Amino acid sequence: MKLMTTLKFSRRLRPLLLALVFFIGMTGRAFASGGGEGEKFNAGELALHHVMDAYEWHLFDGHYGSFYLPIVVYTDDQGLQVFSSSKFYQNHELVPYNGLELSGHGVVATDHGVKVWDFSITKNVASAIMSLIVLVLIFTAVASGYKKNAGKAPKGIQSFFEPLILFVRDDIARTMIGHHYERFVPYLLTMFFYILANNLMGLMPGAANVTGNIAVTLVLALFTFFVTNFSGNKHYWGHIFWTPGVPLPLRVIMIPIEVIGIFTKPFALMVRLFANITAGHIVILSIISLIFLFKSIYVSPASVALGVAMNFLELMVAFIQAYVFTLLSAIYIGGAVAEDH
């Protein structure tokens, strides 16, 4: 009986393990091809390269191993330009094109006096759009299931997502916000599932590091900042600008601290999500790079085993970080709409 259970469990894990092996293999190929002959392997440079945004989507070596994304820029001298990023890549080398070039700061003009407005579809933007489409399709199916199974037990995809939806509604929104929670449930659900979707997609082989981009986490944190402060009642603002129950001399100290706290809350949201997701990716890439640093096949079993273990840990972190971001957002909103004690 135990043997049958183990075999069934191993069959369920097989697709995930194959995906992990594929990820490690593709990472290894990218690492092995990262330096030319005689060049020293630089693990830090390659790890950062894999977590940074890019204008191409590189999956594996070869003619069809990269997808070139659209460049959309506006310059004062040439106006709007739309073309493929492949124009910048010739024989695996970066070259200028039509007065523009790729640098560490994105698309810039070869004439540094020309201002470039960059609206390009980068790897992170493309992945964010993909996750948005996936979520729209999923929750359209879930909503359709609710209509068809009204008053009945949930079925199919509805039965999978309903516990998560109820968890966010009951254990996060209702508990942390109180009797005003209903109008904030759609926002909290959106935050939770959007962050979770991008966290999980970031663990797939060749995927983008969307929630490991500080610009993305900044925008998400700003949403919570605006929702919190635009929802704040008179008691919330009164506590910040005229702290009740505090002697007047201490208010000189407390009021600046409370005002600074308005901005440190979204800052903490931004940094926490960015740092945890990016750190996990860098650790995995660094562990795999040990094979190429030591240049020994005997290191590979331990390196691969640690890489697989870290992937499972990252899978747990993907859920935890979506939960923590949503929980803290609910706590901040709850403090803003709470009635006077």
Protein backbone atom coordinates (compact mmCIF):
# COMPACT_ATOMS: atom_id res chain seq x y z
CA MET A 1 0.00 0.00 0.00
CA LYS A 2 2.80 2.40 0.92
CA LEU A 3 4.62 1.47 -2.30
CA MET A 4 1.54 2.27 -4.43
CA THR A 5 1.11 5.61 -2.66
CA THR A 6 4.77 6.44 -3.25
CA LEU A 7 4.51 5.52 -6.94
CA LYS A 8 1.39 7.68 -7.40
CA PHE A 9 3.11 10.59 -5.66
CA SER A 10 6.21 10.18 -7.84
CA ARG A 11 4.06 10.27 -10.99
CA ARG A 12 2.54 13.55 -9.86
CA LEU A 13 5.98 15.02 -9.22
CA ARG A 14 7.42 13.83 -12.54
CA PRO A 15 6.30 16.85 -14.64
CA LEU A 16 7.71 19.26 -12.05
CA LEU A 17 11.00 17.39 -11.81
CA LEU A 18 11.30 17.32 -15.61
CA ALA A 19 10.71 21.07 -15.67
CA LEU A 20 13.40 21.55 -13.03
CA VAL A 21 15.88 19.41 -14.97
CA PHE A 22 15.06 21.36 -18.13
CA PHE A 23 15.60 24.65 -16.24
CA ILE A 24 18.94 23.49 -14.89
CA GLY A 25 19.99 22.23 -18.32
CA MET A 26 19.07 25.46 -20.06
CA THR A 27 20.75 27.49 -17.33
CA GLY A 28 23.86 25.38 -17.66
CA ARG A 29 23.96 25.88 -21.43
CA ALA A 30 23.60 29.62 -20.98
CA PHE A 31 26.33 29.66 -18.35
CA ALA A 32 28.66 27.51 -20.41
CA SER A 33 28.25 29.81 -23.41
CA GLY A 34 28.57 32.97 -21.32
CA GLY A 35 32.28 33.47 -21.87
CA GLY A 36 34.50 32.98 -24.81
CA GLU A 37 37.47 30.67 -24.95
CA GLY A 38 40.01 31.62 -22.33
CA GLU A 39 37.64 33.97 -20.53
CA LYS A 40 37.12 33.53 -16.81
CA PHE A 41 33.60 32.47 -15.77
CA ASN A 42 31.80 35.27 -13.92
CA ALA A 43 28.94 33.84 -11.84
CA GLY A 44 27.82 37.21 -10.48
CA GLU A 45 27.56 38.80 -13.91
CA LEU A 46 25.55 35.92 -15.35
CA ALA A 47 23.24 35.70 -12.32
CA LEU A 48 22.43 39.42 -12.60
CA HIS A 49 21.95 39.06 -16.35
CA HIS A 50 19.28 36.40 -15.77
CA VAL A 51 17.29 38.46 -13.25
CA MET A 52 17.49 41.76 -15.15
CA ASP A 53 15.00 42.97 -17.76
CA ALA A 54 15.90 42.62 -21.45
CA TYR A 55 14.78 43.54 -24.96
CA GLU A 56 14.92 39.92 -26.11
CA TRP A 57 13.55 36.69 -24.66
CA HIS A 58 16.42 34.21 -24.64
CA LEU A 59 15.47 30.57 -24.05
CA PHE A 60 18.38 28.54 -25.41
CA ASP A 61 21.33 28.76 -27.78
CA GLY A 62 20.68 28.49 -31.48
CA HIS A 63 19.05 30.37 -34.34
CA TYR A 64 15.54 29.95 -32.94
CA GLY A 65 16.48 30.21 -29.25
CA SER A 66 15.62 33.90 -28.84
CA PHE A 67 12.48 35.96 -29.38
CA TYR A 68 13.15 39.56 -30.28
CA LEU A 69 10.68 41.99 -28.74
CA PRO A 70 9.35 45.22 -30.29
CA ILE A 71 11.20 48.47 -29.72
CA VAL A 72 8.87 51.48 -29.42
CA VAL A 73 10.68 54.80 -28.94
CA TYR A 74 10.07 58.48 -29.57
CA THR A 75 12.88 60.95 -30.26
CA ASP A 76 12.70 64.66 -30.95
CA ASP A 77 14.67 64.38 -34.19
CA GLN A 78 13.01 61.28 -35.76
CA GLY A 79 9.67 61.03 -33.99
CA LEU A 80 8.06 57.65 -33.30
CA GLN A 81 10.02 54.53 -34.28
CA VAL A 82 8.78 50.94 -34.06
CA PHE A 83 11.03 48.01 -35.01
CA SER A 84 12.28 44.64 -33.77
CA SER A 85 15.07 44.50 -31.20
CA SER A 86 16.85 42.08 -33.55
CA LYS A 87 18.18 45.22 -35.32
CA PHE A 88 20.47 45.73 -32.32
CA TYR A 89 21.81 42.15 -32.38
CA GLN A 90 24.14 41.22 -35.24
CA ASN A 91 26.24 38.05 -34.92
CA HIS A 92 25.65 38.01 -31.14
CA GLU A 93 27.05 41.55 -30.86
CA LEU A 94 25.23 44.76 -29.97
CA VAL A 95 25.31 47.33 -32.77
CA PRO A 96 23.71 50.78 -33.20
CA TYR A 97 20.64 51.12 -35.41
CA ASN A 98 19.10 54.26 -36.91
CA GLY A 99 20.77 56.58 -34.42
CA LEU A 100 19.88 54.37 -31.42
CA GLU A 101 21.73 51.81 -29.35
CA LEU A 102 21.20 49.50 -26.37
CA SER A 103 23.03 50.27 -23.15
CA GLY A 104 22.72 49.49 -19.48
CA HIS A 105 20.14 52.27 -19.27
CA GLY A 106 17.96 50.88 -22.08
CA VAL A 107 17.56 52.39 -25.54
CA VAL A 108 19.58 55.59 -25.87
CA ALA A 109 20.56 57.83 -28.77
CA THR A 110 24.06 57.60 -30.21
CA ASP A 111 23.97 61.38 -30.05
CA HIS A 112 23.75 61.83 -26.28
CA GLY A 113 22.13 65.23 -26.68
CA VAL A 114 18.94 63.64 -28.08
CA LYS A 115 16.24 62.66 -25.58
CA VAL A 116 14.75 59.18 -26.06
CA TRP A 117 11.31 58.24 -24.69
CA ASP A 118 11.34 54.45 -24.42
CA PHE A 119 7.95 52.65 -24.54
CA SER A 120 9.35 49.28 -25.66
CA ILE A 121 7.82 45.89 -24.84
CA THR A 122 10.59 44.39 -22.74
CA LYS A 123 10.76 40.86 -21.37
CA ASN A 124 9.13 41.86 -18.08
CA VAL A 125 6.39 43.83 -19.82
CA ALA A 126 5.61 40.90 -22.14
CA SER A 127 5.50 38.50 -19.18
CA ALA A 128 3.25 40.86 -17.19
CA ILE A 129 0.85 41.02 -20.14
CA MET A 130 0.89 37.22 -20.41
CA SER A 131 0.08 36.81 -16.71
CA LEU A 132 -2.75 39.32 -17.08
CA ILE A 133 -4.24 37.34 -19.99
CA VAL A 134 -3.90 34.08 -18.04
CA LEU A 135 -5.69 35.58 -15.01
CA VAL A 136 -8.50 37.01 -17.15
CA LEU A 137 -9.06 33.61 -18.78
CA ILE A 138 -8.93 31.76 -15.44
CA PHE A 139 -11.33 34.02 -13.57
CA THR A 140 -13.69 34.27 -16.52
CA ALA A 141 -13.95 30.48 -16.29
CA VAL A 142 -14.34 30.67 -12.48
CA ALA A 143 -17.12 33.29 -12.78
CA SER A 144 -18.84 31.17 -15.41
CA GLY A 145 -18.63 28.19 -13.05
CA TYR A 146 -20.30 30.17 -10.27
CA LYS A 147 -23.21 31.02 -12.57
CA LYS A 148 -23.65 27.46 -13.81
CA ASN A 149 -23.27 25.85 -10.37
CA ALA A 150 -25.31 28.35 -8.36
CA GLY A 151 -26.37 26.66 -5.13
CA LYS A 152 -24.31 23.56 -5.94
CA ALA A 153 -20.88 22.28 -4.99
CA PRO A 154 -18.08 23.87 -7.04
CA LYS A 155 -16.60 21.86 -9.91
CA GLY A 156 -13.46 21.94 -12.01
CA ILE A 157 -11.32 25.06 -11.93
CA GLN A 158 -13.86 26.75 -9.64
CA SER A 159 -13.23 24.18 -6.91
CA PHE A 160 -9.48 24.88 -7.05
CA PHE A 161 -9.68 28.67 -6.77
CA GLU A 162 -12.65 28.98 -4.41
CA PRO A 163 -10.63 28.13 -1.23
CA LEU A 164 -8.03 30.76 -2.17
CA ILE A 165 -10.71 33.38 -2.83
CA LEU A 166 -12.46 32.61 0.47
CA PHE A 167 -9.12 32.68 2.28
CA VAL A 168 -8.35 36.20 1.03
CA ARG A 169 -11.90 37.37 1.76
CA ASP A 170 -12.40 35.84 5.21
CA ASP A 171 -8.93 35.45 6.72
CA ILE A 172 -7.33 38.61 5.32
CA ALA A 173 -9.92 41.21 4.32
CA ARG A 174 -12.61 40.56 6.93
CA THR A 175 -10.16 39.94 9.78
CA MET A 176 -7.85 42.89 9.14
CA ILE A 177 -10.27 45.54 7.87
CA GLY A 178 -13.49 44.83 9.75
CA HIS A 179 -17.04 45.67 8.73
CA HIS A 180 -15.87 47.90 5.83
CA TYR A 181 -14.04 45.00 4.19
CA GLU A 182 -16.44 44.28 1.30
CA ARG A 183 -15.42 47.20 -0.92
CA PHE A 184 -11.72 46.32 -0.60
CA VAL A 185 -12.04 42.59 -1.39
CA PRO A 186 -11.76 43.05 -5.21
CA TYR A 187 -8.54 45.05 -4.79
CA LEU A 188 -6.99 42.54 -2.38
CA LEU A 189 -7.95 39.60 -4.59
CA THR A 190 -6.39 41.35 -7.59
CA MET A 191 -3.15 42.01 -5.70
CA PHE A 192 -2.94 38.47 -4.34
CA PHE A 193 -3.52 36.61 -7.59
CA TYR A 194 -1.50 38.99 -9.77
CA ILE A 195 1.56 38.72 -7.53
CA LEU A 196 1.10 34.95 -7.15
CA ALA A 197 0.76 34.45 -10.92
CA ASN A 198 3.94 36.39 -11.67
CA ASN A 199 5.83 34.70 -8.83
CA LEU A 200 4.92 31.25 -10.19
CA MET A 201 5.59 32.18 -13.82
CA GLY A 202 9.01 33.47 -12.76
CA LEU A 203 9.94 29.95 -11.64
CA MET A 204 9.36 28.46 -15.09
CA PRO A 205 12.37 27.76 -17.35
CA GLY A 206 13.34 30.82 -19.35
CA ALA A 207 10.73 33.00 -17.62
CA ALA A 208 10.98 36.70 -16.77
CA ASN A 209 11.62 38.08 -13.30
CA VAL A 210 8.58 40.40 -13.08
CA THR A 211 8.06 40.64 -9.31
CA GLY A 212 11.84 40.79 -8.91
CA ASN A 213 11.79 44.12 -10.77
CA ILE A 214 11.68 47.04 -8.34
CA ALA A 215 9.72 49.20 -10.81
CA VAL A 216 6.89 46.63 -10.76
CA THR A 217 6.87 46.31 -6.97
CA LEU A 218 6.96 50.13 -6.71
CA VAL A 219 3.76 50.42 -8.78
CA LEU A 220 2.03 47.70 -6.75
CA ALA A 221 3.04 49.43 -3.51
CA LEU A 222 1.78 52.78 -4.85
CA PHE A 223 -1.63 51.22 -5.49
CA THR A 224 -1.84 50.26 -1.81
CA PHE A 225 -0.55 53.73 -0.85
CA PHE A 226 -3.31 55.50 -2.81
CA VAL A 227 -6.08 53.09 -1.75
CA THR A 228 -5.07 53.46 1.90
CA ASN A 229 -4.79 57.24 1.99
CA PHE A 230 -7.79 58.04 -0.20
CA SER A 231 -9.88 55.73 2.02
CA GLY A 232 -8.61 57.26 5.26
CA ASN A 233 -11.27 58.77 7.52
CA LYS A 234 -10.99 61.77 9.86
CA HIS A 235 -9.76 59.58 12.72
CA TYR A 236 -6.90 58.27 10.57
CA TRP A 237 -5.73 61.73 9.53
CA GLY A 238 -6.38 63.13 13.00
CA HIS A 239 -4.09 60.48 14.49
CA ILE A 240 -1.34 61.44 12.05
CA PHE A 241 -1.48 65.25 12.26
CA TRP A 242 -2.70 65.72 15.83
CA THR A 243 -1.96 62.53 17.76
CA PRO A 244 -4.70 62.23 20.41
CA GLY A 245 -3.76 61.56 24.02
CA VAL A 246 -0.15 62.72 23.54
CA PRO A 247 1.21 65.74 25.47
CA LEU A 248 1.74 68.79 23.28
CA PRO A 249 5.57 68.84 23.53
CA LEU A 250 5.72 65.21 22.33
CA ARG A 251 3.53 66.00 19.33
CA VAL A 252 6.44 67.96 17.88
CA ILE A 253 8.27 64.63 17.66
CA MET A 254 5.32 62.32 16.94
CA ILE A 255 3.75 64.22 14.04
CA PRO A 256 6.86 64.04 11.77
CA ILE A 257 7.23 60.35 12.64
CA GLU A 258 3.59 59.66 11.72
CA VAL A 259 3.94 61.59 8.45
CA ILE A 260 7.09 59.65 7.53
CA GLY A 261 5.20 56.44 8.36
CA ILE A 262 2.75 57.18 5.54
CA PHE A 263 5.60 56.68 3.06
CA THR A 264 7.60 53.98 4.82
CA LYS A 265 4.68 51.53 4.64
CA PRO A 266 4.56 51.31 0.81
CA PHE A 267 8.38 51.42 0.76
CA ALA A 268 8.45 48.31 2.94
CA LEU A 269 5.96 46.58 0.62
CA MET A 270 8.06 47.44 -2.41
CA VAL A 271 11.41 46.32 -1.02
CA ARG A 272 10.14 43.15 0.67
CA LEU A 273 8.62 41.65 -2.48
CA PHE A 274 11.49 42.77 -4.73
CA ALA A 275 14.24 41.53 -2.40
CA ASN A 276 12.74 38.12 -1.61
CA ILE A 277 11.98 37.18 -5.22
CA THR A 278 15.28 38.47 -6.62
CA ALA A 279 17.33 36.88 -3.84
CA GLY A 280 15.75 33.48 -4.46
CA HIS A 281 16.57 33.57 -8.18
CA ILE A 282 20.14 34.69 -7.55
CA VAL A 283 20.71 31.94 -4.98
CA ILE A 284 19.48 29.25 -7.40
CA LEU A 285 21.62 30.59 -10.24
CA SER A 286 24.65 30.86 -7.94
CA ILE A 287 24.24 27.25 -6.77
CA ILE A 288 24.09 25.97 -10.35
CA SER A 289 27.07 28.11 -11.33
CA LEU A 290 29.22 26.19 -8.81
CA ILE A 291 29.55 23.44 -11.44
CA PHE A 292 31.24 25.86 -13.82
CA LEU A 293 33.27 27.63 -11.15
CA PHE A 294 34.86 24.39 -9.96
CA LYS A 295 34.91 22.92 -13.51
CA SER A 296 34.26 19.49 -12.06
CA ILE A 297 31.53 16.96 -12.78
CA TYR A 298 31.76 15.76 -9.19
CA VAL A 299 30.26 19.02 -7.96
CA SER A 300 27.16 18.64 -10.14
CA PRO A 301 25.17 16.14 -7.97
CA ALA A 302 25.32 18.38 -4.91
CA SER A 303 24.75 21.52 -6.98
CA VAL A 304 21.74 20.07 -8.79
CA ALA A 305 20.26 18.68 -5.55
CA LEU A 306 20.58 22.08 -3.85
CA GLY A 307 19.13 23.77 -6.94
CA VAL A 308 16.08 21.48 -6.87
CA ALA A 309 15.63 22.06 -3.13
CA MET A 310 15.83 25.82 -3.64
CA ASN A 311 13.21 25.59 -6.41
CA PHE A 312 10.80 23.92 -4.00
CA LEU A 313 11.60 26.61 -1.42
CA GLU A 314 10.97 29.30 -4.05
CA LEU A 315 7.61 27.68 -4.80
CA MET A 316 6.65 28.17 -1.16
CA VAL A 317 8.04 31.72 -1.16
CA ALA A 318 5.87 32.55 -4.20
CA PHE A 319 2.74 31.90 -2.13
CA ILE A 320 4.12 33.46 1.06
CA GLN A 321 5.09 36.75 -0.62
CA ALA A 322 1.69 37.08 -2.31
CA TYR A 323 0.08 36.45 1.08
CA VAL A 324 2.33 38.89 2.97
CA PHE A 325 1.83 41.71 0.45
CA THR A 326 -1.96 41.25 0.58
CA LEU A 327 -2.00 40.91 4.38
CA LEU A 328 0.02 44.09 4.97
CA SER A 329 -2.11 45.99 2.44
CA ALA A 330 -5.22 44.90 4.35
CA ILE A 331 -3.65 45.96 7.67
CA TYR A 332 -2.79 49.41 6.30
CA ILE A 333 -6.28 49.84 4.82
CA GLY A 334 -7.86 48.60 8.05
CA GLY A 335 -5.97 51.23 10.03
CA ALA A 336 -7.15 53.95 7.63
CA VAL A 337 -10.86 53.09 7.80
CA ALA A 338 -11.10 52.10 11.48
CA GLU A 339 -13.48 54.09 13.65
CA ASP A 340 -12.27 56.07 16.65
CA HIS A 341 -11.53 53.91 19.71
